[in-house]
Protein backbone atom coordinates (compact mmCIF):
# COMPACT_ATOMS: atom_id res chain seq x y z
CA UNK A 1 20.29 -9.27 2.76
CA UNK A 2 18.07 -6.49 4.06
CA UNK A 3 17.38 -5.27 0.54
CA UNK A 4 15.33 -8.40 -0.17
CA UNK A 5 11.62 -7.68 0.39
CA UNK A 6 11.11 -10.75 2.58
CA UNK A 7 13.65 -9.32 5.07
CA UNK A 8 13.28 -5.63 4.42
CA UNK A 9 9.68 -5.57 5.57
CA UNK A 10 10.69 -6.63 9.01
CA UNK A 11 13.53 -4.11 9.44
CA UNK A 12 12.03 -1.06 7.80
CA UNK A 13 9.08 1.17 8.60
CA UNK A 14 6.07 0.92 6.23
CA UNK A 15 7.13 4.31 4.66
CA UNK A 16 10.64 3.16 3.84
CA UNK A 17 10.10 -0.62 3.15
CA UNK A 18 10.89 -1.96 -0.31
CA UNK A 19 7.62 -2.76 -2.03
CA UNK A 20 6.76 -6.02 -3.66
CA UNK A 21 3.39 -4.71 -4.91
CA UNK A 22 2.81 -5.06 -8.72
CA UNK A 23 0.53 -1.91 -8.49
CA UNK A 24 -0.25 0.75 -5.91
CA UNK A 25 -3.33 0.05 -3.86
CA UNK A 26 -4.23 2.18 -0.84
CA UNK A 27 -6.68 -0.48 0.35
CA UNK A 28 -4.28 -3.36 0.19
CA UNK A 29 -1.41 -1.38 1.74
CA UNK A 30 -3.73 -0.28 4.58
CA UNK A 31 -4.88 -3.81 5.22
CA UNK A 32 -1.31 -5.09 5.21
CA UNK A 33 -0.32 -2.93 8.12
CA UNK A 34 -3.61 -2.38 10.01
CA UNK A 35 -5.05 -5.85 10.44
CA UNK A 36 -2.09 -7.04 12.55
CA UNK A 37 -2.78 -4.27 15.13
CA UNK A 38 -6.62 -4.19 14.97
CA UNK A 39 -7.65 -7.81 15.33
CA UNK A 40 -7.19 -10.36 18.13
CA UNK A 41 -5.38 -13.36 16.78
CA UNK A 42 -6.00 -16.05 15.77
CA UNK A 43 -8.70 -14.52 13.54
CA UNK A 44 -10.68 -14.75 10.38
CA UNK A 45 -11.46 -11.54 8.55
CA UNK A 46 -14.46 -11.85 6.18
CA UNK A 47 -14.22 -9.37 3.32
CA UNK A 48 -17.33 -7.76 1.74
CA UNK A 49 -17.27 -7.27 -2.07
CA UNK A 50 -19.61 -4.94 -3.95
CA UNK A 51 -20.38 -5.34 -7.71
CA UNK A 52 -18.49 -2.68 -9.58
CA UNK A 53 -15.63 -2.62 -7.07
CA UNK A 54 -12.04 -2.92 -8.05
CA UNK A 55 -11.87 -6.57 -8.70
CA UNK A 56 -8.07 -6.44 -9.04
CA UNK A 57 -7.68 -5.23 -5.39
CA UNK A 58 -8.25 -8.72 -4.10
CA UNK A 59 -7.59 -8.71 -0.34
CA UNK A 60 -8.30 -12.48 0.14
CA UNK A 61 -4.93 -14.10 -0.19
CA UNK A 62 -3.34 -16.11 2.50
CA UNK A 63 0.33 -16.12 1.45
CA UNK A 64 2.11 -16.15 4.78
CA UNK A 65 1.58 -19.83 5.39
CA UNK A 66 1.36 -22.99 3.31
CA UNK A 67 -2.01 -23.91 4.99
CA UNK A 68 -4.42 -20.99 5.79
CA UNK A 69 -5.46 -22.59 9.13
CA UNK A 70 -1.87 -21.95 10.32
CA UNK A 71 -2.10 -18.18 9.63
CA UNK A 72 -2.65 -15.88 12.60
CA UNK A 73 -5.09 -13.95 10.43
CA UNK A 74 -7.05 -15.78 7.80
CA UNK A 75 -8.65 -13.68 5.01
CA UNK A 76 -11.86 -15.04 3.48
CA UNK A 77 -14.75 -13.77 1.39
CA UNK A 78 -17.97 -12.73 3.15
CA UNK A 79 -20.45 -15.00 1.32
CA UNK A 80 -23.51 -13.90 3.29
CA UNK A 81 -24.94 -15.28 6.55
CA UNK A 82 -26.11 -18.63 5.21
CA UNK A 83 -22.77 -19.58 3.62
CA UNK A 84 -20.69 -17.92 6.44
CA UNK A 85 -22.27 -20.36 8.91
CA UNK A 86 -20.24 -23.09 7.05
CA UNK A 87 -17.00 -21.44 7.95
CA UNK A 88 -18.24 -20.66 11.50
CA UNK A 89 -19.07 -24.40 11.95
CA UNK A 90 -15.66 -25.45 10.53
CA UNK A 91 -13.70 -23.27 12.83
CA UNK A 92 -15.93 -24.14 15.83
CA UNK A 93 -14.75 -27.75 15.31
CA UNK A 94 -11.10 -27.07 14.50
CA UNK A 95 -10.22 -23.78 16.26
CA UNK A 96 -13.19 -22.67 18.44
CA UNK A 97 -11.31 -19.62 19.92
CA UNK A 98 -10.60 -18.07 16.54
CA UNK A 99 -12.13 -14.59 16.31
CA UNK A 100 -14.09 -13.49 13.35
CA UNK A 101 -14.37 -9.99 11.86
CA UNK A 102 -16.05 -8.44 8.92
CA UNK A 103 -14.29 -5.93 6.69
CA UNK A 104 -16.72 -3.80 4.80
CA UNK A 105 -15.11 -0.86 2.90
CA UNK A 106 -18.48 0.92 2.64
CA UNK A 107 -19.30 0.77 6.37
CA UNK A 108 -18.14 2.89 9.29
CA UNK A 109 -16.20 1.44 10.91
CA UNK A 110 -14.93 -0.74 8.14
CA UNK A 111 -13.79 -3.45 10.49
CA UNK A 112 -16.29 -5.02 12.93
CA UNK A 113 -15.89 -7.82 15.43
CA UNK A 114 -18.35 -10.66 14.97
CA UNK A 115 -17.31 -12.99 17.79
CA UNK A 116 -15.54 -16.34 18.40
CA UNK A 117 -16.14 -19.32 16.06
CA UNK A 118 -17.78 -21.44 18.72
CA UNK A 119 -20.35 -18.65 19.52
CA UNK A 120 -21.12 -17.86 15.94
CA UNK A 121 -21.59 -21.53 15.00
CA UNK A 122 -23.93 -21.93 18.02
CA UNK A 123 -25.88 -18.94 16.95
CA UNK A 124 -25.23 -17.19 20.27
CA UNK A 125 -23.99 -14.03 18.63
CA UNK A 126 -25.47 -13.73 15.10
CA UNK A 127 -23.69 -11.48 12.68
CA UNK A 128 -25.31 -8.15 12.07
CA UNK A 129 -25.33 -6.32 8.72
């Protein structure tokens, strides 16, 4: 049973775990193991994409639950401040304590805390780029 990826990932270290990756991606592997320890859950992580980036390294999949709102960490695209306000407003209504983060691979640090949904929707703590 422990040779199945679904179980092996819970009983092995990241270095010895059986991989289910169709290709090797340092970014995706790093995200898989680092988001759990670097964000306060429940959370939404907004991912910045740059034209010319590796489009096949898509970090915005929510495969751990049937409905993304049930996930401890929701992955979403950073669509810019105007469109991000829509997701802030949604979670301010449904899960106001959910923390928001921005992951920008070109920034240092790459992961920054934006604030709680209720504060972002109210404009109390505007996102900074």
